[in-house]
mmCIF file of all heavy atoms, coordinates in Angstrom:
data_MODEL
# 
_entry.id   MODEL 
# 
loop_
_atom_site.group_PDB 
_atom_site.id 
_atom_site.type_symbol 
_atom_site.label_atom_id 
_atom_site.label_alt_id 
_atom_site.label_comp_id 
_atom_site.label_asym_id 
_atom_site.label_entity_id 
_atom_site.label_seq_id 
_atom_site.pdbx_PDB_ins_code 
_atom_site.Cartn_x 
_atom_site.Cartn_y 
_atom_site.Cartn_z 
_atom_site.occupancy 
_atom_site.B_iso_or_equiv 
_atom_site.pdbx_formal_charge 
_atom_site.auth_seq_id 
_atom_site.auth_comp_id 
_atom_site.auth_asym_id 
_atom_site.auth_atom_id 
_atom_site.pdbx_PDB_model_num 
ATOM 1   N N   . PRO A 1 1  ? 7.855  -30.284 -24.116 1.00 0.00 ? 1  PRO A N   1 
ATOM 2   C CA  . PRO A 1 1  ? 7.001  -29.265 -23.488 1.00 0.00 ? 1  PRO A CA  1 
ATOM 3   C C   . PRO A 1 1  ? 7.233  -27.898 -24.108 1.00 0.00 ? 1  PRO A C   1 
ATOM 4   O O   . PRO A 1 1  ? 8.355  -27.525 -24.409 1.00 0.00 ? 1  PRO A O   1 
ATOM 5   C CB  . PRO A 1 1  ? 7.447  -29.288 -22.023 1.00 0.00 ? 1  PRO A CB  1 
ATOM 6   C CG  . PRO A 1 1  ? 8.822  -29.866 -22.036 1.00 0.00 ? 1  PRO A CG  1 
ATOM 7   C CD  . PRO A 1 1  ? 8.849  -30.826 -23.173 1.00 0.00 ? 1  PRO A CD  1 
ATOM 8   N N   . THR A 1 2  ? 6.186  -27.107 -24.304 1.00 0.00 ? 2  THR A N   1 
ATOM 9   C CA  . THR A 1 2  ? 6.279  -25.756 -24.875 1.00 0.00 ? 2  THR A CA  1 
ATOM 10  C C   . THR A 1 2  ? 6.597  -24.756 -23.773 1.00 0.00 ? 2  THR A C   1 
ATOM 11  O O   . THR A 1 2  ? 6.570  -25.071 -22.590 1.00 0.00 ? 2  THR A O   1 
ATOM 12  C CB  . THR A 1 2  ? 4.951  -25.378 -25.544 1.00 0.00 ? 2  THR A CB  1 
ATOM 13  O OG1 . THR A 1 2  ? 3.915  -25.473 -24.579 1.00 0.00 ? 2  THR A OG1 1 
ATOM 14  C CG2 . THR A 1 2  ? 4.640  -26.370 -26.686 1.00 0.00 ? 2  THR A CG2 1 
ATOM 15  N N   . ARG A 1 3  ? 6.842  -23.502 -24.175 1.00 0.00 ? 3  ARG A N   1 
ATOM 16  C CA  . ARG A 1 3  ? 7.251  -22.465 -23.241 1.00 0.00 ? 3  ARG A CA  1 
ATOM 17  C C   . ARG A 1 3  ? 6.182  -22.203 -22.196 1.00 0.00 ? 3  ARG A C   1 
ATOM 18  O O   . ARG A 1 3  ? 6.474  -22.075 -21.011 1.00 0.00 ? 3  ARG A O   1 
ATOM 19  C CB  . ARG A 1 3  ? 7.557  -21.163 -24.018 1.00 0.00 ? 3  ARG A CB  1 
ATOM 20  C CG  . ARG A 1 3  ? 7.977  -20.011 -23.137 1.00 0.00 ? 3  ARG A CG  1 
ATOM 21  C CD  . ARG A 1 3  ? 8.240  -18.787 -23.995 1.00 0.00 ? 3  ARG A CD  1 
ATOM 22  N NE  . ARG A 1 3  ? 8.671  -17.664 -23.173 1.00 0.00 ? 3  ARG A NE  1 
ATOM 23  C CZ  . ARG A 1 3  ? 9.925  -17.432 -22.811 1.00 0.00 ? 3  ARG A CZ  1 
ATOM 24  N NH1 . ARG A 1 3  ? 10.891 -18.251 -23.197 1.00 0.00 ? 3  ARG A NH1 1 
ATOM 25  N NH2 . ARG A 1 3  ? 10.249 -16.386 -22.071 1.00 0.00 ? 3  ARG A NH2 1 
ATOM 26  N N   . HIS A 1 4  ? 4.945  -22.141 -22.620 1.00 0.00 ? 4  HIS A N   1 
ATOM 27  C CA  . HIS A 1 4  ? 3.895  -21.805 -21.681 1.00 0.00 ? 4  HIS A CA  1 
ATOM 28  C C   . HIS A 1 4  ? 3.590  -22.954 -20.734 1.00 0.00 ? 4  HIS A C   1 
ATOM 29  O O   . HIS A 1 4  ? 2.891  -22.782 -19.751 1.00 0.00 ? 4  HIS A O   1 
ATOM 30  C CB  . HIS A 1 4  ? 2.615  -21.398 -22.437 1.00 0.00 ? 4  HIS A CB  1 
ATOM 31  C CG  . HIS A 1 4  ? 1.963  -22.558 -23.137 1.00 0.00 ? 4  HIS A CG  1 
ATOM 32  N ND1 . HIS A 1 4  ? 2.341  -22.946 -24.403 1.00 0.00 ? 4  HIS A ND1 1 
ATOM 33  C CD2 . HIS A 1 4  ? 0.987  -23.396 -22.722 1.00 0.00 ? 4  HIS A CD2 1 
ATOM 34  C CE1 . HIS A 1 4  ? 1.607  -23.984 -24.762 1.00 0.00 ? 4  HIS A CE1 1 
ATOM 35  N NE2 . HIS A 1 4  ? 0.779  -24.287 -23.748 1.00 0.00 ? 4  HIS A NE2 1 
ATOM 36  N N   . GLN A 1 5  ? 4.139  -24.160 -21.028 1.00 0.00 ? 5  GLN A N   1 
ATOM 37  C CA  . GLN A 1 5  ? 3.880  -25.282 -20.164 1.00 0.00 ? 5  GLN A CA  1 
ATOM 38  C C   . GLN A 1 5  ? 4.864  -25.352 -18.997 1.00 0.00 ? 5  GLN A C   1 
ATOM 39  O O   . GLN A 1 5  ? 4.660  -26.099 -18.060 1.00 0.00 ? 5  GLN A O   1 
ATOM 40  C CB  . GLN A 1 5  ? 3.944  -26.595 -20.957 1.00 0.00 ? 5  GLN A CB  1 
ATOM 41  C CG  . GLN A 1 5  ? 2.769  -26.768 -21.907 1.00 0.00 ? 5  GLN A CG  1 
ATOM 42  C CD  . GLN A 1 5  ? 2.931  -28.014 -22.734 1.00 0.00 ? 5  GLN A CD  1 
ATOM 43  O OE1 . GLN A 1 5  ? 4.020  -28.280 -23.223 1.00 0.00 ? 5  GLN A OE1 1 
ATOM 44  N NE2 . GLN A 1 5  ? 1.854  -28.759 -22.887 1.00 0.00 ? 5  GLN A NE2 1 
ATOM 45  N N   . HIS A 1 6  ? 6.011  -24.588 -19.081 1.00 0.00 ? 6  HIS A N   1 
ATOM 46  C CA  . HIS A 1 6  ? 6.996  -24.611 -18.001 1.00 0.00 ? 6  HIS A CA  1 
ATOM 47  C C   . HIS A 1 6  ? 6.442  -23.880 -16.778 1.00 0.00 ? 6  HIS A C   1 
ATOM 48  O O   . HIS A 1 6  ? 5.754  -22.885 -16.905 1.00 0.00 ? 6  HIS A O   1 
ATOM 49  C CB  . HIS A 1 6  ? 8.288  -23.919 -18.443 1.00 0.00 ? 6  HIS A CB  1 
ATOM 50  C CG  . HIS A 1 6  ? 9.100  -24.790 -19.353 1.00 0.00 ? 6  HIS A CG  1 
ATOM 51  N ND1 . HIS A 1 6  ? 9.860  -25.831 -18.902 1.00 0.00 ? 6  HIS A ND1 1 
ATOM 52  C CD2 . HIS A 1 6  ? 9.265  -24.755 -20.696 1.00 0.00 ? 6  HIS A CD2 1 
ATOM 53  C CE1 . HIS A 1 6  ? 10.469 -26.403 -19.923 1.00 0.00 ? 6  HIS A CE1 1 
ATOM 54  N NE2 . HIS A 1 6  ? 10.112 -25.764 -21.030 1.00 0.00 ? 6  HIS A NE2 1 
ATOM 55  N N   . PRO A 1 7  ? 6.772  -24.322 -15.574 1.00 0.00 ? 7  PRO A N   1 
ATOM 56  C CA  . PRO A 1 7  ? 6.365  -23.571 -14.375 1.00 0.00 ? 7  PRO A CA  1 
ATOM 57  C C   . PRO A 1 7  ? 7.108  -22.247 -14.316 1.00 0.00 ? 7  PRO A C   1 
ATOM 58  O O   . PRO A 1 7  ? 8.313  -22.179 -14.564 1.00 0.00 ? 7  PRO A O   1 
ATOM 59  C CB  . PRO A 1 7  ? 6.785  -24.497 -13.227 1.00 0.00 ? 7  PRO A CB  1 
ATOM 60  C CG  . PRO A 1 7  ? 7.842  -25.382 -13.803 1.00 0.00 ? 7  PRO A CG  1 
ATOM 61  C CD  . PRO A 1 7  ? 7.495  -25.554 -15.247 1.00 0.00 ? 7  PRO A CD  1 
ATOM 62  N N   . GLN A 1 8  ? 6.392  -21.207 -14.031 1.00 0.00 ? 8  GLN A N   1 
ATOM 63  C CA  . GLN A 1 8  ? 6.987  -19.888 -14.052 1.00 0.00 ? 8  GLN A CA  1 
ATOM 64  C C   . GLN A 1 8  ? 7.532  -19.545 -12.668 1.00 0.00 ? 8  GLN A C   1 
ATOM 65  O O   . GLN A 1 8  ? 6.858  -19.723 -11.654 1.00 0.00 ? 8  GLN A O   1 
ATOM 66  C CB  . GLN A 1 8  ? 5.930  -18.866 -14.462 1.00 0.00 ? 8  GLN A CB  1 
ATOM 67  C CG  . GLN A 1 8  ? 5.309  -19.233 -15.807 1.00 0.00 ? 8  GLN A CG  1 
ATOM 68  C CD  . GLN A 1 8  ? 4.933  -18.003 -16.584 1.00 0.00 ? 8  GLN A CD  1 
ATOM 69  O OE1 . GLN A 1 8  ? 5.143  -16.905 -16.118 1.00 0.00 ? 8  GLN A OE1 1 
ATOM 70  N NE2 . GLN A 1 8  ? 4.391  -18.198 -17.760 1.00 0.00 ? 8  GLN A NE2 1 
ATOM 71  N N   . VAL A 1 9  ? 8.790  -19.062 -12.673 1.00 0.00 ? 9  VAL A N   1 
ATOM 72  C CA  . VAL A 1 9  ? 9.430  -18.698 -11.399 1.00 0.00 ? 9  VAL A CA  1 
ATOM 73  C C   . VAL A 1 9  ? 8.801  -17.445 -10.825 1.00 0.00 ? 9  VAL A C   1 
ATOM 74  O O   . VAL A 1 9  ? 8.437  -17.387 -9.665  1.00 0.00 ? 9  VAL A O   1 
ATOM 75  C CB  . VAL A 1 9  ? 10.943 -18.478 -11.608 1.00 0.00 ? 9  VAL A CB  1 
ATOM 76  C CG1 . VAL A 1 9  ? 11.610 -18.050 -10.314 1.00 0.00 ? 9  VAL A CG1 1 
ATOM 77  C CG2 . VAL A 1 9  ? 11.556 -19.748 -12.161 1.00 0.00 ? 9  VAL A CG2 1 
ATOM 78  N N   . PHE A 1 10 ? 8.605  -16.415 -11.693 1.00 0.00 ? 10 PHE A N   1 
ATOM 79  C CA  . PHE A 1 10 ? 7.958  -15.189 -11.233 1.00 0.00 ? 10 PHE A CA  1 
ATOM 80  C C   . PHE A 1 10 ? 7.449  -14.441 -12.441 1.00 0.00 ? 10 PHE A C   1 
ATOM 81  O O   . PHE A 1 10 ? 8.193  -14.196 -13.378 1.00 0.00 ? 10 PHE A O   1 
ATOM 82  C CB  . PHE A 1 10 ? 8.973  -14.324 -10.468 1.00 0.00 ? 10 PHE A CB  1 
ATOM 83  C CG  . PHE A 1 10 ? 8.346  -13.069 -9.905  1.00 0.00 ? 10 PHE A CG  1 
ATOM 84  C CD1 . PHE A 1 10 ? 7.610  -13.121 -8.731  1.00 0.00 ? 10 PHE A CD1 1 
ATOM 85  C CD2 . PHE A 1 10 ? 8.469  -11.854 -10.569 1.00 0.00 ? 10 PHE A CD2 1 
ATOM 86  C CE1 . PHE A 1 10 ? 7.032  -11.980 -8.219  1.00 0.00 ? 10 PHE A CE1 1 
ATOM 87  C CE2 . PHE A 1 10 ? 7.886  -10.723 -10.030 1.00 0.00 ? 10 PHE A CE2 1 
ATOM 88  C CZ  . PHE A 1 10 ? 7.163  -10.777 -8.854  1.00 0.00 ? 10 PHE A CZ  1 
ATOM 89  N N   . THR A 1 11 ? 6.185  -14.131 -12.454 1.00 0.00 ? 11 THR A N   1 
ATOM 90  C CA  . THR A 1 11 ? 5.614  -13.424 -13.604 1.00 0.00 ? 11 THR A CA  1 
ATOM 91  C C   . THR A 1 11 ? 4.893  -12.153 -13.201 1.00 0.00 ? 11 THR A C   1 
ATOM 92  O O   . THR A 1 11 ? 4.375  -11.450 -14.042 1.00 0.00 ? 11 THR A O   1 
ATOM 93  C CB  . THR A 1 11 ? 4.625  -14.337 -14.330 1.00 0.00 ? 11 THR A CB  1 
ATOM 94  O OG1 . THR A 1 11 ? 3.619  -14.764 -13.425 1.00 0.00 ? 11 THR A OG1 1 
ATOM 95  C CG2 . THR A 1 11 ? 5.322  -15.564 -14.909 1.00 0.00 ? 11 THR A CG2 1 
ATOM 96  N N   . GLY A 1 12 ? 4.839  -11.851 -11.926 1.00 0.00 ? 12 GLY A N   1 
ATOM 97  C CA  . GLY A 1 12 ? 4.109  -10.677 -11.474 1.00 0.00 ? 12 GLY A CA  1 
ATOM 98  C C   . GLY A 1 12 ? 4.930  -9.397  -11.568 1.00 0.00 ? 12 GLY A C   1 
ATOM 99  O O   . GLY A 1 12 ? 6.063  -9.388  -12.030 1.00 0.00 ? 12 GLY A O   1 
ATOM 100 N N   . GLU A 1 13 ? 4.390  -8.294  -11.105 1.00 0.00 ? 13 GLU A N   1 
ATOM 101 C CA  . GLU A 1 13 ? 5.068  -7.002  -11.122 1.00 0.00 ? 13 GLU A CA  1 
ATOM 102 C C   . GLU A 1 13 ? 5.463  -6.637  -9.694  1.00 0.00 ? 13 GLU A C   1 
ATOM 103 O O   . GLU A 1 13 ? 4.698  -6.816  -8.753  1.00 0.00 ? 13 GLU A O   1 
ATOM 104 C CB  . GLU A 1 13 ? 4.144  -5.933  -11.688 1.00 0.00 ? 13 GLU A CB  1 
ATOM 105 C CG  . GLU A 1 13 ? 3.797  -6.179  -13.153 1.00 0.00 ? 13 GLU A CG  1 
ATOM 106 C CD  . GLU A 1 13 ? 2.882  -5.098  -13.676 1.00 0.00 ? 13 GLU A CD  1 
ATOM 107 O OE1 . GLU A 1 13 ? 2.369  -4.328  -12.853 1.00 0.00 ? 13 GLU A OE1 1 
ATOM 108 O OE2 . GLU A 1 13 ? 2.692  -5.023  -14.908 1.00 0.00 ? 13 GLU A OE2 1 
ATOM 109 N N   . MET A 1 14 ? 6.678  -6.136  -9.555  1.00 0.00 ? 14 MET A N   1 
ATOM 110 C CA  . MET A 1 14 ? 7.163  -5.733  -8.233  1.00 0.00 ? 14 MET A CA  1 
ATOM 111 C C   . MET A 1 14 ? 7.187  -4.212  -8.116  1.00 0.00 ? 14 MET A C   1 
ATOM 112 O O   . MET A 1 14 ? 7.867  -3.552  -8.884  1.00 0.00 ? 14 MET A O   1 
ATOM 113 C CB  . MET A 1 14 ? 8.588  -6.275  -8.009  1.00 0.00 ? 14 MET A CB  1 
ATOM 114 C CG  . MET A 1 14 ? 9.164  -5.870  -6.661  1.00 0.00 ? 14 MET A CG  1 
ATOM 115 S SD  . MET A 1 14 ? 10.814 -6.508  -6.455  1.00 0.00 ? 14 MET A SD  1 
ATOM 116 C CE  . MET A 1 14 ? 10.430 -8.228  -6.282  1.00 0.00 ? 14 MET A CE  1 
ATOM 117 N N   . PRO A 1 15 ? 6.413  -3.649  -7.218  1.00 0.00 ? 15 PRO A N   1 
ATOM 118 C CA  . PRO A 1 15 ? 6.412  -2.175  -7.070  1.00 0.00 ? 15 PRO A CA  1 
ATOM 119 C C   . PRO A 1 15 ? 7.676  -1.698  -6.355  1.00 0.00 ? 15 PRO A C   1 
ATOM 120 O O   . PRO A 1 15 ? 8.098  -2.299  -5.365  1.00 0.00 ? 15 PRO A O   1 
ATOM 121 C CB  . PRO A 1 15 ? 5.169  -1.902  -6.226  1.00 0.00 ? 15 PRO A CB  1 
ATOM 122 C CG  . PRO A 1 15 ? 4.960  -3.156  -5.449  1.00 0.00 ? 15 PRO A CG  1 
ATOM 123 C CD  . PRO A 1 15 ? 5.459  -4.266  -6.282  1.00 0.00 ? 15 PRO A CD  1 
ATOM 124 N N   . ILE A 1 16 ? 8.313  -0.644  -6.866  1.00 0.00 ? 16 ILE A N   1 
ATOM 125 C CA  . ILE A 1 16 ? 9.491  -0.034  -6.238  1.00 0.00 ? 16 ILE A CA  1 
ATOM 126 C C   . ILE A 1 16 ? 9.159  1.440   -5.973  1.00 0.00 ? 16 ILE A C   1 
ATOM 127 O O   . ILE A 1 16 ? 8.783  2.156   -6.889  1.00 0.00 ? 16 ILE A O   1 
ATOM 128 C CB  . ILE A 1 16 ? 10.717 -0.145  -7.142  1.00 0.00 ? 16 ILE A CB  1 
ATOM 129 C CG1 . ILE A 1 16 ? 11.013 -1.644  -7.402  1.00 0.00 ? 16 ILE A CG1 1 
ATOM 130 C CG2 . ILE A 1 16 ? 11.921 0.555   -6.543  1.00 0.00 ? 16 ILE A CG2 1 
ATOM 131 C CD1 . ILE A 1 16 ? 12.190 -1.867  -8.309  1.00 0.00 ? 16 ILE A CD1 1 
ATOM 132 N N   . TYR A 1 17 ? 9.332  1.880   -4.742  1.00 0.00 ? 17 TYR A N   1 
ATOM 133 C CA  . TYR A 1 17 ? 8.974  3.246   -4.340  1.00 0.00 ? 17 TYR A CA  1 
ATOM 134 C C   . TYR A 1 17 ? 10.200 4.141   -4.367  1.00 0.00 ? 17 TYR A C   1 
ATOM 135 O O   . TYR A 1 17 ? 11.338 3.701   -4.219  1.00 0.00 ? 17 TYR A O   1 
ATOM 136 C CB  . TYR A 1 17 ? 8.378  3.236   -2.936  1.00 0.00 ? 17 TYR A CB  1 
ATOM 137 C CG  . TYR A 1 17 ? 7.091  2.440   -2.856  1.00 0.00 ? 17 TYR A CG  1 
ATOM 138 C CD1 . TYR A 1 17 ? 7.131  1.097   -2.484  1.00 0.00 ? 17 TYR A CD1 1 
ATOM 139 C CD2 . TYR A 1 17 ? 5.880  3.034   -3.185  1.00 0.00 ? 17 TYR A CD2 1 
ATOM 140 C CE1 . TYR A 1 17 ? 5.973  0.359   -2.437  1.00 0.00 ? 17 TYR A CE1 1 
ATOM 141 C CE2 . TYR A 1 17 ? 4.728  2.287   -3.119  1.00 0.00 ? 17 TYR A CE2 1 
ATOM 142 C CZ  . TYR A 1 17 ? 4.755  0.953   -2.750  1.00 0.00 ? 17 TYR A CZ  1 
ATOM 143 O OH  . TYR A 1 17 ? 3.616  0.217   -2.699  1.00 0.00 ? 17 TYR A OH  1 
ATOM 144 N N   . ASN A 1 18 ? 9.934  5.459   -4.512  1.00 0.00 ? 18 ASN A N   1 
ATOM 145 C CA  . ASN A 1 18 ? 10.991 6.455   -4.522  1.00 0.00 ? 18 ASN A CA  1 
ATOM 146 C C   . ASN A 1 18 ? 11.574 6.571   -3.118  1.00 0.00 ? 18 ASN A C   1 
ATOM 147 O O   . ASN A 1 18 ? 10.883 6.909   -2.167  1.00 0.00 ? 18 ASN A O   1 
ATOM 148 C CB  . ASN A 1 18 ? 10.404 7.795   -4.973  1.00 0.00 ? 18 ASN A CB  1 
ATOM 149 C CG  . ASN A 1 18 ? 11.515 8.808   -5.275  1.00 0.00 ? 18 ASN A CG  1 
ATOM 150 O OD1 . ASN A 1 18 ? 12.642 8.706   -4.786  1.00 0.00 ? 18 ASN A OD1 1 
ATOM 151 N ND2 . ASN A 1 18 ? 11.167 9.811   -6.081  1.00 0.00 ? 18 ASN A ND2 1 
ATOM 152 N N   . GLN A 1 19 ? 12.884 6.334   -2.998  1.00 0.00 ? 19 GLN A N   1 
ATOM 153 C CA  . GLN A 1 19 ? 13.523 6.303   -1.687  1.00 0.00 ? 19 GLN A CA  1 
ATOM 154 C C   . GLN A 1 19 ? 13.826 7.707   -1.150  1.00 0.00 ? 19 GLN A C   1 
ATOM 155 O O   . GLN A 1 19 ? 14.129 7.863   0.028   1.00 0.00 ? 19 GLN A O   1 
ATOM 156 C CB  . GLN A 1 19 ? 14.837 5.506   -1.788  1.00 0.00 ? 19 GLN A CB  1 
ATOM 157 C CG  . GLN A 1 19 ? 14.618 4.070   -2.252  1.00 0.00 ? 19 GLN A CG  1 
ATOM 158 C CD  . GLN A 1 19 ? 13.799 3.281   -1.245  1.00 0.00 ? 19 GLN A CD  1 
ATOM 159 O OE1 . GLN A 1 19 ? 13.894 3.530   -0.028  1.00 0.00 ? 19 GLN A OE1 1 
ATOM 160 N NE2 . GLN A 1 19 ? 12.984 2.369   -1.767  1.00 0.00 ? 19 GLN A NE2 1 
ATOM 161 N N   . ASP A 1 20 ? 13.806 8.765   -2.033  1.00 0.00 ? 20 ASP A N   1 
ATOM 162 C CA  . ASP A 1 20 ? 14.135 10.129  -1.604  1.00 0.00 ? 20 ASP A CA  1 
ATOM 163 C C   . ASP A 1 20 ? 12.981 10.830  -0.929  1.00 0.00 ? 20 ASP A C   1 
ATOM 164 O O   . ASP A 1 20 ? 13.140 11.901  -0.368  1.00 0.00 ? 20 ASP A O   1 
ATOM 165 C CB  . ASP A 1 20 ? 14.608 10.974  -2.792  1.00 0.00 ? 20 ASP A CB  1 
ATOM 166 C CG  . ASP A 1 20 ? 15.881 10.398  -3.397  1.00 0.00 ? 20 ASP A CG  1 
ATOM 167 O OD1 . ASP A 1 20 ? 16.665 9.764   -2.642  1.00 0.00 ? 20 ASP A OD1 1 
ATOM 168 O OD2 . ASP A 1 20 ? 16.066 10.574  -4.623  1.00 0.00 ? 20 ASP A OD2 1 
ATOM 169 N N   . LYS A 1 21 ? 11.817 10.267  -1.022  1.00 0.00 ? 21 LYS A N   1 
ATOM 170 C CA  . LYS A 1 21 ? 10.641 10.906  -0.448  1.00 0.00 ? 21 LYS A CA  1 
ATOM 171 C C   . LYS A 1 21 ? 10.120 10.062  0.682   1.00 0.00 ? 21 LYS A C   1 
ATOM 172 O O   . LYS A 1 21 ? 10.330 8.849   0.721   1.00 0.00 ? 21 LYS A O   1 
ATOM 173 C CB  . LYS A 1 21 ? 9.566  11.099  -1.509  1.00 0.00 ? 21 LYS A CB  1 
ATOM 174 C CG  . LYS A 1 21 ? 9.965  12.088  -2.608  1.00 0.00 ? 21 LYS A CG  1 
ATOM 175 C CD  . LYS A 1 21 ? 8.832  12.305  -3.569  1.00 0.00 ? 21 LYS A CD  1 
ATOM 176 C CE  . LYS A 1 21 ? 9.221  13.317  -4.662  1.00 0.00 ? 21 LYS A CE  1 
ATOM 177 N NZ  . LYS A 1 21 ? 8.129  13.558  -5.588  1.00 0.00 ? 21 LYS A NZ  1 
ATOM 178 N N   . PRO A 1 22 ? 9.458  10.712  1.597   1.00 0.00 ? 22 PRO A N   1 
ATOM 179 C CA  . PRO A 1 22 ? 8.871  9.931   2.694   1.00 0.00 ? 22 PRO A CA  1 
ATOM 180 C C   . PRO A 1 22 ? 7.864  8.931   2.145   1.00 0.00 ? 22 PRO A C   1 
ATOM 181 O O   . PRO A 1 22 ? 7.345  9.089   1.057   1.00 0.00 ? 22 PRO A O   1 
ATOM 182 C CB  . PRO A 1 22 ? 8.169  10.983  3.562   1.00 0.00 ? 22 PRO A CB  1 
ATOM 183 C CG  . PRO A 1 22 ? 8.729  12.294  3.137   1.00 0.00 ? 22 PRO A CG  1 
ATOM 184 C CD  . PRO A 1 22 ? 9.216  12.157  1.751   1.00 0.00 ? 22 PRO A CD  1 
ATOM 185 N N   . ASP A 1 23 ? 7.698  7.928   2.889   1.00 0.00 ? 23 ASP A N   1 
ATOM 186 C CA  . ASP A 1 23 ? 6.751  6.888   2.462   1.00 0.00 ? 23 ASP A CA  1 
ATOM 187 C C   . ASP A 1 23 ? 5.356  7.472   2.452   1.00 0.00 ? 23 ASP A C   1 
ATOM 188 O O   . ASP A 1 23 ? 4.789  7.780   3.499   1.00 0.00 ? 23 ASP A O   1 
ATOM 189 C CB  . ASP A 1 23 ? 6.812  5.711   3.438   1.00 0.00 ? 23 ASP A CB  1 
ATOM 190 C CG  . ASP A 1 23 ? 6.066  4.521   2.873   1.00 0.00 ? 23 ASP A CG  1 
ATOM 191 O OD1 . ASP A 1 23 ? 5.317  4.687   1.882   1.00 0.00 ? 23 ASP A OD1 1 
ATOM 192 O OD2 . ASP A 1 23 ? 6.229  3.409   3.424   1.00 0.00 ? 23 ASP A OD2 1 
ATOM 193 N N   . GLN A 1 24 ? 4.862  7.746   1.252   1.00 0.00 ? 24 GLN A N   1 
ATOM 194 C CA  . GLN A 1 24 ? 3.583  8.408   1.111   1.00 0.00 ? 24 GLN A CA  1 
ATOM 195 C C   . GLN A 1 24 ? 2.426  7.526   1.521   1.00 0.00 ? 24 GLN A C   1 
ATOM 196 O O   . GLN A 1 24 ? 1.315  7.994   1.669   1.00 0.00 ? 24 GLN A O   1 
ATOM 197 C CB  . GLN A 1 24 ? 3.402  8.857   -0.346  1.00 0.00 ? 24 GLN A CB  1 
ATOM 198 C CG  . GLN A 1 24 ? 4.458  9.884   -0.784  1.00 0.00 ? 24 GLN A CG  1 
ATOM 199 C CD  . GLN A 1 24 ? 4.262  10.303  -2.227  1.00 0.00 ? 24 GLN A CD  1 
ATOM 200 O OE1 . GLN A 1 24 ? 3.296  9.894   -2.847  1.00 0.00 ? 24 GLN A OE1 1 
ATOM 201 N NE2 . GLN A 1 24 ? 5.161  11.149  -2.721  1.00 0.00 ? 24 GLN A NE2 1 
ATOM 202 N N   . ARG A 1 25 ? 2.726  6.225   1.692   1.00 0.00 ? 25 ARG A N   1 
ATOM 203 C CA  . ARG A 1 25 ? 1.639  5.363   2.101   1.00 0.00 ? 25 ARG A CA  1 
ATOM 204 C C   . ARG A 1 25 ? 1.198  5.652   3.533   1.00 0.00 ? 25 ARG A C   1 
ATOM 205 O O   . ARG A 1 25 ? 0.073  5.421   3.912   1.00 0.00 ? 25 ARG A O   1 
ATOM 206 C CB  . ARG A 1 25 ? 2.080  3.888   2.011   1.00 0.00 ? 25 ARG A CB  1 
ATOM 207 C CG  . ARG A 1 25 ? 2.304  3.417   0.575   1.00 0.00 ? 25 ARG A CG  1 
ATOM 208 C CD  . ARG A 1 25 ? 2.861  2.031   0.582   1.00 0.00 ? 25 ARG A CD  1 
ATOM 209 N NE  . ARG A 1 25 ? 4.165  2.032   1.270   1.00 0.00 ? 25 ARG A NE  1 
ATOM 210 C CZ  . ARG A 1 25 ? 4.858  0.904   1.487   1.00 0.00 ? 25 ARG A CZ  1 
ATOM 211 N NH1 . ARG A 1 25 ? 4.373  -0.269  1.121   1.00 0.00 ? 25 ARG A NH1 1 
ATOM 212 N NH2 . ARG A 1 25 ? 6.035  0.977   2.087   1.00 0.00 ? 25 ARG A NH2 1 
# 
């Protein structure tokens, strides 16, 4: 099996927010 054929554990992007500021959301 080639690399792209393996099941991927995690390929997305994880957003990390600035902890020193209030949650702007």
